[in-house]
């Protein structure tokens, strides 16, 4: 009954996240993710005995891992959310690179959520696309700098961009 109960609950959460408009989309996703983790901790505590005795003997998935898998399947892999999440994250990256201020904490939380769901989820739902968009962005920008700047100025601009990326990663 745990799987069916969690699945039906996550389908309702999915509708709530899909209904969020504009900037509130990531905030709603983050809020629901935090709520899901708290609920999952409580469920795991309640079903601790089952997790320790029944799960290993029947080769079932542990409660916490089950909760993460169900979140992945019902929320992250939902076609309406998956594409929108990727586009929103890549748009935030683009906006920051062009000088806008974004909520880095929120973005960090969403990226951490993807990583918590597993390296493959993170890579397929964000990293691969992020690297392609980044390569394209810097290829176009470097070509522009080559056309309009002398060597010294080009190197200064390239170093500035490298420092900006380092600062994004460390903060």
C-alpha atoms as a PDB file:
ATOM      1  CA  UNK A   1       0.000   0.000   0.000  1.00  0.00           C
ATOM      2  CA  UNK A   2       2.950   2.334   0.525  1.00  0.00           C
ATOM      3  CA  UNK A   3       3.767   2.551  -3.176  1.00  0.00           C
ATOM      4  CA  UNK A   4       0.189   3.237  -4.271  1.00  0.00           C
ATOM      5  CA  UNK A   5      -0.376   5.799  -1.496  1.00  0.00           C
ATOM      6  CA  UNK A   6       2.855   7.661  -2.265  1.00  0.00           C
ATOM      7  CA  UNK A   7       2.216   7.512  -6.009  1.00  0.00           C
ATOM      8  CA  UNK A   8      -1.270   9.010  -5.736  1.00  0.00           C
ATOM      9  CA  UNK A   9       0.065  11.722  -3.409  1.00  0.00           C
ATOM     10  CA  UNK A  10       2.905  12.528  -5.817  1.00  0.00           C
ATOM     11  CA  UNK A  11       0.470  12.776  -8.730  1.00  0.00           C
ATOM     12  CA  UNK A  12      -1.347  15.532  -6.803  1.00  0.00           C
ATOM     13  CA  UNK A  13       1.968  17.247  -6.074  1.00  0.00           C
ATOM     14  CA  UNK A  14       2.830  17.013  -9.771  1.00  0.00           C
ATOM     15  CA  UNK A  15      -0.385  18.886 -10.652  1.00  0.00           C
ATOM     16  CA  UNK A  16       0.456  21.583  -8.104  1.00  0.00           C
ATOM     17  CA  UNK A  17       3.959  22.040  -9.537  1.00  0.00           C
ATOM     18  CA  UNK A  18       2.672  22.083 -13.119  1.00  0.00           C
ATOM     19  CA  UNK A  19       0.147  24.780 -12.178  1.00  0.00           C
ATOM     20  CA  UNK A  20       2.853  27.115 -10.825  1.00  0.00           C
ATOM     21  CA  UNK A  21       3.458  30.017 -13.195  1.00  0.00           C
ATOM     22  CA  UNK A  22       6.622  31.969 -13.988  1.00  0.00           C
ATOM     23  CA  UNK A  23       9.291  32.255 -11.336  1.00  0.00           C
ATOM     24  CA  UNK A  24       7.151  30.458  -8.770  1.00  0.00           C
ATOM     25  CA  UNK A  25       7.658  27.178 -10.683  1.00  0.00           C
ATOM     26  CA  UNK A  26      11.114  26.508  -9.198  1.00  0.00           C
ATOM     27  CA  UNK A  27      10.028  27.787  -5.795  1.00  0.00           C
ATOM     28  CA  UNK A  28       7.043  25.420  -5.788  1.00  0.00           C
ATOM     29  CA  UNK A  29       9.210  22.511  -6.940  1.00  0.00           C
ATOM     30  CA  UNK A  30      11.755  23.263  -4.213  1.00  0.00           C
ATOM     31  CA  UNK A  31       9.059  23.619  -1.535  1.00  0.00           C
ATOM     32  CA  UNK A  32       7.401  20.339  -2.549  1.00  0.00           C
ATOM     33  CA  UNK A  33      10.786  18.584  -2.654  1.00  0.00           C
ATOM     34  CA  UNK A  34      11.570  19.746   0.882  1.00  0.00           C
ATOM     35  CA  UNK A  35       8.116  18.656   2.061  1.00  0.00           C
ATOM     36  CA  UNK A  36       8.580  15.276   0.365  1.00  0.00           C
ATOM     37  CA  UNK A  37      11.919  14.740   2.093  1.00  0.00           C
ATOM     38  CA  UNK A  38      10.438  15.582   5.505  1.00  0.00           C
ATOM     39  CA  UNK A  39       7.508  13.240   4.899  1.00  0.00           C
ATOM     40  CA  UNK A  40       9.854  10.538   3.659  1.00  0.00           C
ATOM     41  CA  UNK A  41      11.936  10.823   6.842  1.00  0.00           C
ATOM     42  CA  UNK A  42       8.807  10.446   8.976  1.00  0.00           C
ATOM     43  CA  UNK A  43       7.573   7.481   6.935  1.00  0.00           C
ATOM     44  CA  UNK A  44      10.978   5.861   7.215  1.00  0.00           C
ATOM     45  CA  UNK A  45      10.976   6.386  10.983  1.00  0.00           C
ATOM     46  CA  UNK A  46       7.493   4.877  11.287  1.00  0.00           C
ATOM     47  CA  UNK A  47       8.371   1.909   9.094  1.00  0.00           C
ATOM     48  CA  UNK A  48      11.858   1.425  10.548  1.00  0.00           C
ATOM     49  CA  UNK A  49      11.169  -2.127  11.687  1.00  0.00           C
ATOM     50  CA  UNK A  50       9.831  -3.071   8.252  1.00  0.00           C
ATOM     51  CA  UNK A  51      12.854  -1.450   6.638  1.00  0.00           C
ATOM     52  CA  UNK A  52      15.246  -3.470   8.819  1.00  0.00           C
ATOM     53  CA  UNK A  53      13.567  -6.877   8.711  1.00  0.00           C
ATOM     54  CA  UNK A  54      11.044  -7.278   5.875  1.00  0.00           C
ATOM     55  CA  UNK A  55      12.816  -5.307   3.128  1.00  0.00           C
ATOM     56  CA  UNK A  56      16.151  -7.225   3.156  1.00  0.00           C
ATOM     57  CA  UNK A  57      14.510 -10.651   3.342  1.00  0.00           C
ATOM     58  CA  UNK A  58      12.168  -9.925   0.421  1.00  0.00           C
ATOM     59  CA  UNK A  59      14.711  -7.951  -1.618  1.00  0.00           C
ATOM     60  CA  UNK A  60      12.370  -4.960  -1.826  1.00  0.00           C
ATOM     61  CA  UNK A  61      13.493  -1.335  -2.160  1.00  0.00           C
ATOM     62  CA  UNK A  62      14.162   0.478   1.149  1.00  0.00           C
ATOM     63  CA  UNK A  63      11.618   3.171   2.069  1.00  0.00           C
ATOM     64  CA  UNK A  64      13.892   6.174   1.502  1.00  0.00           C
ATOM     65  CA  UNK A  65      15.157   4.910  -1.849  1.00  0.00           C
ATOM     66  CA  UNK A  66      11.586   4.052  -2.834  1.00  0.00           C
ATOM     67  CA  UNK A  67      10.500   7.616  -2.040  1.00  0.00           C
ATOM     68  CA  UNK A  68      13.300   9.055  -4.186  1.00  0.00           C
ATOM     69  CA  UNK A  69      12.461   6.705  -7.057  1.00  0.00           C
ATOM     70  CA  UNK A  70       8.775   7.616  -6.902  1.00  0.00           C
ATOM     71  CA  UNK A  71       9.645  11.358  -6.873  1.00  0.00           C
ATOM     72  CA  UNK A  72      11.846  10.819  -9.914  1.00  0.00           C
ATOM     73  CA  UNK A  73       9.196   8.826 -11.781  1.00  0.00           C
ATOM     74  CA  UNK A  74       6.173  10.993 -10.925  1.00  0.00           C
ATOM     75  CA  UNK A  75       7.669  14.476 -10.740  1.00  0.00           C
ATOM     76  CA  UNK A  76      11.009  14.799 -12.520  1.00  0.00           C
ATOM     77  CA  UNK A  77      10.158  12.416 -15.361  1.00  0.00           C
ATOM     78  CA  UNK A  78       6.735  13.986 -15.874  1.00  0.00           C
ATOM     79  CA  UNK A  79       6.903  15.351 -19.417  1.00  0.00           C
ATOM     80  CA  UNK A  80       5.297  18.655 -18.398  1.00  0.00           C
ATOM     81  CA  UNK A  81       7.769  19.214 -15.581  1.00  0.00           C
ATOM     82  CA  UNK A  82      10.924  17.745 -17.099  1.00  0.00           C
ATOM     83  CA  UNK A  83      11.096  20.024 -20.140  1.00  0.00           C
ATOM     84  CA  UNK A  84       9.976  23.067 -18.194  1.00  0.00           C
ATOM     85  CA  UNK A  85      12.564  22.416 -15.478  1.00  0.00           C
ATOM     86  CA  UNK A  86      15.394  22.130 -17.983  1.00  0.00           C
ATOM     87  CA  UNK A  87      14.318  25.251 -19.882  1.00  0.00           C
ATOM     88  CA  UNK A  88      13.921  27.248 -16.661  1.00  0.00           C
ATOM     89  CA  UNK A  89      17.350  26.250 -15.359  1.00  0.00           C
ATOM     90  CA  UNK A  90      19.064  26.992 -18.668  1.00  0.00           C
ATOM     91  CA  UNK A  91      17.258  30.337 -18.885  1.00  0.00           C
ATOM     92  CA  UNK A  92      18.514  31.248 -15.406  1.00  0.00           C
ATOM     93  CA  UNK A  93      22.066  30.378 -16.457  1.00  0.00           C
ATOM     94  CA  UNK A  94      21.705  32.528 -19.576  1.00  0.00           C
ATOM     95  CA  UNK A  95      20.267  35.434 -17.599  1.00  0.00           C
ATOM     96  CA  UNK A  96      23.074  35.366 -15.078  1.00  0.00           C
ATOM     97  CA  UNK A  97      25.723  35.233 -17.792  1.00  0.00           C
ATOM     98  CA  UNK A  98      24.188  38.305 -19.395  1.00  0.00           C
ATOM     99  CA  UNK A  99      24.312  40.251 -16.130  1.00  0.00           C
ATOM    100  CA  UNK A 100      20.950  39.617 -14.446  1.00  0.00           C
ATOM    101  CA  UNK A 101      20.775  38.685 -10.783  1.00  0.00           C
ATOM    102  CA  UNK A 102      19.203  35.299 -10.094  1.00  0.00           C
ATOM    103  CA  UNK A 103      18.364  33.357  -6.942  1.00  0.00           C
ATOM    104  CA  UNK A 104      21.470  31.180  -6.747  1.00  0.00           C
ATOM    105  CA  UNK A 105      20.287  29.487  -3.567  1.00  0.00           C
ATOM    106  CA  UNK A 106      17.121  28.280  -5.253  1.00  0.00           C
ATOM    107  CA  UNK A 107      19.043  27.091  -8.282  1.00  0.00           C
ATOM    108  CA  UNK A 108      21.571  25.310  -6.055  1.00  0.00           C
ATOM    109  CA  UNK A 109      18.708  23.539  -4.226  1.00  0.00           C
ATOM    110  CA  UNK A 110      17.138  22.355  -7.486  1.00  0.00           C
ATOM    111  CA  UNK A 111      20.481  21.124  -8.832  1.00  0.00           C
ATOM    112  CA  UNK A 112      21.126  19.343  -5.508  1.00  0.00           C
ATOM    113  CA  UNK A 113      17.706  17.694  -5.804  1.00  0.00           C
ATOM    114  CA  UNK A 114      18.685  16.314  -9.225  1.00  0.00           C
ATOM    115  CA  UNK A 115      21.987  15.080  -7.793  1.00  0.00           C
ATOM    116  CA  UNK A 116      20.216  13.465  -4.821  1.00  0.00           C
ATOM    117  CA  UNK A 117      18.097  11.515  -7.293  1.00  0.00           C
ATOM    118  CA  UNK A 118      21.269  10.058  -8.812  1.00  0.00           C
ATOM    119  CA  UNK A 119      24.116  10.961 -11.111  1.00  0.00           C
ATOM    120  CA  UNK A 120      22.273   9.693 -14.182  1.00  0.00           C
ATOM    121  CA  UNK A 121      19.222  11.868 -13.421  1.00  0.00           C
ATOM    122  CA  UNK A 122      21.447  14.916 -12.947  1.00  0.00           C
ATOM    123  CA  UNK A 123      23.398  14.235 -16.126  1.00  0.00           C
ATOM    124  CA  UNK A 124      20.402  13.485 -18.336  1.00  0.00           C
ATOM    125  CA  UNK A 125      18.113  16.210 -16.996  1.00  0.00           C
ATOM    126  CA  UNK A 126      20.631  19.028 -16.674  1.00  0.00           C
ATOM    127  CA  UNK A 127      24.391  18.566 -17.061  1.00  0.00           C
ATOM    128  CA  UNK A 128      24.454  17.326 -20.652  1.00  0.00           C
ATOM    129  CA  UNK A 129      22.223  20.190 -21.824  1.00  0.00           C
ATOM    130  CA  UNK A 130      24.044  22.737 -19.654  1.00  0.00           C
ATOM    131  CA  UNK A 131      27.395  21.797 -21.186  1.00  0.00           C
ATOM    132  CA  UNK A 132      26.002  22.062 -24.738  1.00  0.00           C
ATOM    133  CA  UNK A 133      24.414  25.464 -24.053  1.00  0.00           C
ATOM    134  CA  UNK A 134      27.591  26.691 -22.345  1.00  0.00           C
ATOM    135  CA  UNK A 135      29.784  25.581 -25.230  1.00  0.00           C
ATOM    136  CA  UNK A 136      27.493  27.332 -27.718  1.00  0.00           C
ATOM    137  CA  UNK A 137      27.303  30.526 -25.622  1.00  0.00           C
ATOM    138  CA  UNK A 138      31.078  30.810 -25.234  1.00  0.00           C
ATOM    139  CA  UNK A 139      31.760  29.862 -28.835  1.00  0.00           C
ATOM    140  CA  UNK A 140      29.543  32.704 -30.071  1.00  0.00           C
ATOM    141  CA  UNK A 141      30.928  35.155 -27.518  1.00  0.00           C
ATOM    142  CA  UNK A 142      34.564  34.254 -28.233  1.00  0.00           C
ATOM    143  CA  UNK A 143      33.975  34.683 -31.954  1.00  0.00           C
ATOM    144  CA  UNK A 144      32.519  38.131 -31.255  1.00  0.00           C
ATOM    145  CA  UNK A 145      35.524  39.036 -29.077  1.00  0.00           C
ATOM    146  CA  UNK A 146      37.961  37.833 -31.752  1.00  0.00           C
ATOM    147  CA  UNK A 147      36.279  40.087 -34.322  1.00  0.00           C
ATOM    148  CA  UNK A 148      36.127  43.223 -32.198  1.00  0.00           C
ATOM    149  CA  UNK A 149      39.069  43.095 -29.799  1.00  0.00           C
ATOM    150  CA  UNK A 150      42.842  43.013 -29.941  1.00  0.00           C
ATOM    151  CA  UNK A 151      44.717  40.111 -28.347  1.00  0.00           C
ATOM    152  CA  UNK A 152      45.243  41.736 -24.931  1.00  0.00           C
ATOM    153  CA  UNK A 153      41.628  42.835 -24.632  1.00  0.00           C
ATOM    154  CA  UNK A 154      40.433  39.374 -25.732  1.00  0.00           C
ATOM    155  CA  UNK A 155      42.528  37.710 -23.044  1.00  0.00           C
ATOM    156  CA  UNK A 156      41.175  40.088 -20.383  1.00  0.00           C
ATOM    157  CA  UNK A 157      37.586  39.323 -21.403  1.00  0.00           C
ATOM    158  CA  UNK A 158      38.283  35.579 -21.457  1.00  0.00           C
ATOM    159  CA  UNK A 159      39.875  35.739 -18.011  1.00  0.00           C
ATOM    160  CA  UNK A 160      36.908  37.745 -16.690  1.00  0.00           C
ATOM    161  CA  UNK A 161      34.494  35.088 -17.963  1.00  0.00           C
ATOM    162  CA  UNK A 162      36.588  32.290 -16.438  1.00  0.00           C
ATOM    163  CA  UNK A 163      36.585  34.082 -13.088  1.00  0.00           C
ATOM    164  CA  UNK A 164      32.799  34.558 -13.305  1.00  0.00           C
ATOM    165  CA  UNK A 165      32.308  30.827 -13.891  1.00  0.00           C
ATOM    166  CA  UNK A 166      34.663  29.955 -11.027  1.00  0.00           C
ATOM    167  CA  UNK A 167      32.731  32.326  -8.763  1.00  0.00           C
ATOM    168  CA  UNK A 168      29.417  30.703  -9.778  1.00  0.00           C
ATOM    169  CA  UNK A 169      30.744  27.263  -8.952  1.00  0.00           C
ATOM    170  CA  UNK A 170      32.210  28.228  -5.578  1.00  0.00           C
ATOM    171  CA  UNK A 171      29.155  30.158  -4.430  1.00  0.00           C
END
